[in-house]
Amino acid sequence: MLISLPSLLNVGALIILDLFIYSVLGVFLFSNVKIGNSITEYTNFWVFHNAFFTLFRASTGENWWVIMFDVGKTEDCI
């Protein structure tokens, strides 16, 4: 277990880096998404920390498809 700990930290750092990059992209691309079933005032892409936690939630597999459908709804849609 102790021998594999540095490798696990490297993999964890890579996952955090990916979530960071995609959170920044999500804020720029999906900041105009309106509130829907899973996009609420706490889980959205309006600010960085909410985008990070929303992507973390999607990466765990919790209702990622609902987030995907909600992101398709913008302020311009009826």
N, C-alpha and C. Protein backbone atom coordinates (compact mmCIF):
# COMPACT_ATOMS: atom_id res chain seq x y z
N MET A 1 0.82 -1.19 0.00
CA MET A 1 0.00 0.00 0.00
C MET A 1 0.87 1.25 0.00
N LEU A 2 1.89 1.28 0.81
CA LEU A 2 2.75 2.45 0.89
C LEU A 2 3.56 2.64 -0.39
N ILE A 3 3.87 1.57 -1.07
CA ILE A 3 4.64 1.67 -2.31
C ILE A 3 3.79 2.28 -3.42
N SER A 4 2.51 2.00 -3.43
CA SER A 4 1.64 2.52 -4.50
C SER A 4 1.09 3.91 -4.20
N LEU A 5 1.33 4.46 -3.02
CA LEU A 5 0.80 5.76 -2.66
C LEU A 5 1.28 6.91 -3.56
N PRO A 6 2.56 6.99 -3.94
CA PRO A 6 2.97 8.07 -4.86
C PRO A 6 2.28 7.97 -6.23
N SER A 7 2.06 6.79 -6.72
CA SER A 7 1.35 6.64 -7.99
C SER A 7 -0.09 7.08 -7.88
N LEU A 8 -0.73 6.76 -6.77
CA LEU A 8 -2.11 7.19 -6.56
C LEU A 8 -2.22 8.71 -6.46
N LEU A 9 -1.23 9.34 -5.85
CA LEU A 9 -1.22 10.80 -5.77
C LEU A 9 -1.04 11.42 -7.15
N ASN A 10 -0.21 10.81 -8.00
CA ASN A 10 -0.04 11.31 -9.36
C ASN A 10 -1.33 11.20 -10.17
N VAL A 11 -2.01 10.09 -10.05
CA VAL A 11 -3.27 9.90 -10.76
C VAL A 11 -4.32 10.88 -10.24
N GLY A 12 -4.37 11.08 -8.94
CA GLY A 12 -5.31 12.04 -8.35
C GLY A 12 -5.03 13.46 -8.82
N ALA A 13 -3.75 13.82 -8.92
CA ALA A 13 -3.39 15.15 -9.40
C ALA A 13 -3.80 15.33 -10.86
N LEU A 14 -3.66 14.29 -11.66
CA LEU A 14 -4.09 14.36 -13.06
C LEU A 14 -5.60 14.54 -13.18
N ILE A 15 -6.34 13.86 -12.35
CA ILE A 15 -7.80 13.99 -12.38
C ILE A 15 -8.21 15.40 -11.95
N ILE A 16 -7.57 15.93 -10.92
CA ILE A 16 -7.86 17.29 -10.47
C ILE A 16 -7.51 18.30 -11.56
N LEU A 17 -6.40 18.11 -12.25
CA LEU A 17 -6.00 19.00 -13.33
C LEU A 17 -7.00 18.97 -14.47
N ASP A 18 -7.47 17.77 -14.83
CA ASP A 18 -8.51 17.66 -15.87
C ASP A 18 -9.79 18.38 -15.47
N LEU A 19 -10.23 18.17 -14.23
CA LEU A 19 -11.43 18.84 -13.76
C LEU A 19 -11.25 20.36 -13.75
N PHE A 20 -10.05 20.83 -13.40
CA PHE A 20 -9.78 22.26 -13.40
C PHE A 20 -9.89 22.84 -14.81
N ILE A 21 -9.25 22.19 -15.77
CA ILE A 21 -9.28 22.68 -17.16
C ILE A 21 -10.69 22.68 -17.72
N TYR A 22 -11.42 21.59 -17.51
CA TYR A 22 -12.78 21.52 -18.04
C TYR A 22 -13.75 22.44 -17.29
N SER A 23 -13.46 22.75 -16.04
CA SER A 23 -14.29 23.72 -15.31
C SER A 23 -14.13 25.11 -15.89
N VAL A 24 -12.90 25.49 -16.22
CA VAL A 24 -12.68 26.79 -16.83
C VAL A 24 -13.37 26.86 -18.19
N LEU A 25 -13.26 25.80 -18.98
CA LEU A 25 -13.95 25.76 -20.27
C LEU A 25 -15.47 25.80 -20.09
N GLY A 26 -15.97 25.09 -19.08
CA GLY A 26 -17.41 25.07 -18.83
C GLY A 26 -17.95 26.43 -18.45
N VAL A 27 -17.18 27.21 -17.69
CA VAL A 27 -17.62 28.56 -17.33
C VAL A 27 -17.70 29.44 -18.57
N PHE A 28 -16.74 29.32 -19.47
CA PHE A 28 -16.76 30.14 -20.68
C PHE A 28 -17.83 29.69 -21.68
N LEU A 29 -18.09 28.39 -21.76
CA LEU A 29 -19.01 27.89 -22.78
C LEU A 29 -20.45 27.78 -22.31
N PHE A 30 -20.67 27.47 -21.03
CA PHE A 30 -22.02 27.17 -20.56
C PHE A 30 -22.49 28.11 -19.46
N SER A 31 -21.99 29.32 -19.42
CA SER A 31 -22.41 30.24 -18.35
C SER A 31 -23.81 30.79 -18.56
N ASN A 32 -24.39 30.63 -19.74
CA ASN A 32 -25.74 31.14 -20.00
C ASN A 32 -26.81 30.05 -19.92
N VAL A 33 -26.49 28.91 -19.33
CA VAL A 33 -27.46 27.82 -19.19
C VAL A 33 -28.47 28.20 -18.12
N LYS A 34 -29.75 28.04 -18.46
CA LYS A 34 -30.78 28.39 -17.49
C LYS A 34 -31.05 27.23 -16.54
N ILE A 35 -31.71 27.51 -15.45
CA ILE A 35 -31.99 26.51 -14.42
C ILE A 35 -32.95 25.47 -14.97
N GLY A 36 -32.64 24.20 -14.70
CA GLY A 36 -33.47 23.10 -15.17
C GLY A 36 -33.64 22.06 -14.08
N ASN A 37 -33.68 20.78 -14.48
CA ASN A 37 -33.88 19.70 -13.51
C ASN A 37 -32.68 19.52 -12.59
N SER A 38 -31.48 19.50 -13.15
CA SER A 38 -30.29 19.29 -12.31
C SER A 38 -29.41 20.52 -12.22
N ILE A 39 -29.56 21.47 -13.13
CA ILE A 39 -28.82 22.72 -13.04
C ILE A 39 -29.61 23.66 -12.13
N THR A 40 -29.11 23.83 -10.91
CA THR A 40 -29.78 24.67 -9.92
C THR A 40 -28.86 25.84 -9.57
N GLU A 41 -29.21 26.57 -8.54
CA GLU A 41 -28.36 27.69 -8.15
C GLU A 41 -27.07 27.22 -7.49
N TYR A 42 -26.99 25.94 -7.11
CA TYR A 42 -25.77 25.41 -6.51
C TYR A 42 -24.96 24.55 -7.47
N THR A 43 -25.60 23.92 -8.42
CA THR A 43 -24.90 23.10 -9.41
C THR A 43 -25.12 23.74 -10.77
N ASN A 44 -24.13 24.53 -11.20
CA ASN A 44 -24.23 25.24 -12.47
C ASN A 44 -22.83 25.55 -12.98
N PHE A 45 -22.76 26.28 -14.07
CA PHE A 45 -21.48 26.68 -14.65
C PHE A 45 -21.32 28.20 -14.63
N TRP A 46 -21.98 28.88 -13.71
CA TRP A 46 -21.91 30.34 -13.65
C TRP A 46 -20.58 30.81 -13.07
N VAL A 47 -20.06 30.12 -12.05
CA VAL A 47 -18.77 30.47 -11.45
C VAL A 47 -17.91 29.21 -11.38
N PHE A 48 -16.61 29.41 -11.18
CA PHE A 48 -15.66 28.30 -11.28
C PHE A 48 -15.92 27.19 -10.26
N HIS A 49 -16.09 27.54 -9.00
CA HIS A 49 -16.22 26.49 -7.98
C HIS A 49 -17.49 25.66 -8.16
N ASN A 50 -18.58 26.28 -8.61
CA ASN A 50 -19.78 25.50 -8.89
C ASN A 50 -19.56 24.59 -10.10
N ALA A 51 -18.85 25.08 -11.11
CA ALA A 51 -18.55 24.26 -12.28
C ALA A 51 -17.68 23.08 -11.91
N PHE A 52 -16.70 23.30 -11.03
CA PHE A 52 -15.81 22.22 -10.61
C PHE A 52 -16.59 21.13 -9.90
N PHE A 53 -17.45 21.51 -8.96
CA PHE A 53 -18.22 20.51 -8.22
C PHE A 53 -19.28 19.84 -9.10
N THR A 54 -19.83 20.56 -10.07
CA THR A 54 -20.78 19.95 -11.00
C THR A 54 -20.08 18.90 -11.86
N LEU A 55 -18.88 19.21 -12.34
CA LEU A 55 -18.14 18.24 -13.13
C LEU A 55 -17.68 17.06 -12.28
N PHE A 56 -17.32 17.31 -11.03
CA PHE A 56 -16.97 16.20 -10.14
C PHE A 56 -18.17 15.28 -9.93
N ARG A 57 -19.33 15.88 -9.74
CA ARG A 57 -20.56 15.10 -9.58
C ARG A 57 -20.85 14.28 -10.83
N ALA A 58 -20.65 14.87 -12.01
CA ALA A 58 -20.88 14.14 -13.25
C ALA A 58 -19.84 13.04 -13.45
N SER A 59 -18.61 13.26 -12.99
CA SER A 59 -17.58 12.24 -13.16
C SER A 59 -17.80 11.04 -12.26
N THR A 60 -18.56 11.20 -11.19
CA THR A 60 -18.88 10.05 -10.34
C THR A 60 -20.03 9.24 -10.89
N GLY A 61 -20.72 9.76 -11.92
CA GLY A 61 -21.79 9.02 -12.55
C GLY A 61 -23.17 9.36 -12.04
N GLU A 62 -23.29 10.35 -11.18
CA GLU A 62 -24.58 10.70 -10.60
C GLU A 62 -25.36 11.60 -11.56
N ASN A 63 -26.31 11.02 -12.25
CA ASN A 63 -27.22 11.74 -13.16
C ASN A 63 -26.49 12.62 -14.18
N TRP A 64 -25.42 12.11 -14.76
CA TRP A 64 -24.68 12.89 -15.73
C TRP A 64 -25.51 13.19 -16.96
N TRP A 65 -26.43 12.30 -17.32
CA TRP A 65 -27.25 12.49 -18.50
C TRP A 65 -28.27 13.60 -18.29
N VAL A 66 -28.73 13.82 -17.06
CA VAL A 66 -29.65 14.92 -16.78
C VAL A 66 -28.91 16.25 -16.91
N ILE A 67 -27.67 16.29 -16.45
CA ILE A 67 -26.85 17.49 -16.60
C ILE A 67 -26.64 17.77 -18.09
N MET A 68 -26.39 16.72 -18.87
CA MET A 68 -26.16 16.88 -20.30
C MET A 68 -27.39 17.48 -20.99
N PHE A 69 -28.58 17.03 -20.66
CA PHE A 69 -29.80 17.57 -21.27
C PHE A 69 -30.08 18.99 -20.80
N ASP A 70 -29.77 19.30 -19.53
CA ASP A 70 -29.98 20.65 -19.02
C ASP A 70 -29.02 21.66 -19.64
N VAL A 71 -27.81 21.23 -19.96
CA VAL A 71 -26.84 22.13 -20.57
C VAL A 71 -27.29 22.53 -21.98
N GLY A 72 -28.10 21.73 -22.61
CA GLY A 72 -28.62 22.06 -23.94
C GLY A 72 -29.65 23.17 -23.94
N LYS A 73 -30.16 23.54 -22.76
CA LYS A 73 -31.16 24.60 -22.65
C LYS A 73 -30.46 25.91 -22.31
N THR A 74 -30.51 26.88 -23.20
CA THR A 74 -29.91 28.19 -22.94
C THR A 74 -31.02 29.23 -22.74
N GLU A 75 -30.64 30.43 -22.46
CA GLU A 75 -31.61 31.52 -22.27
C GLU A 75 -32.34 31.82 -23.58
N ASP A 76 -31.70 31.52 -24.72
CA ASP A 76 -32.32 31.79 -26.02
C ASP A 76 -33.42 30.79 -26.36
N CYS A 77 -33.37 29.60 -25.75
CA CYS A 77 -34.38 28.56 -26.04
C CYS A 77 -35.71 28.92 -25.40
N ILE A 78 -36.77 28.45 -26.00
CA ILE A 78 -38.11 28.70 -25.47
C ILE A 78 -38.47 27.66 -24.46
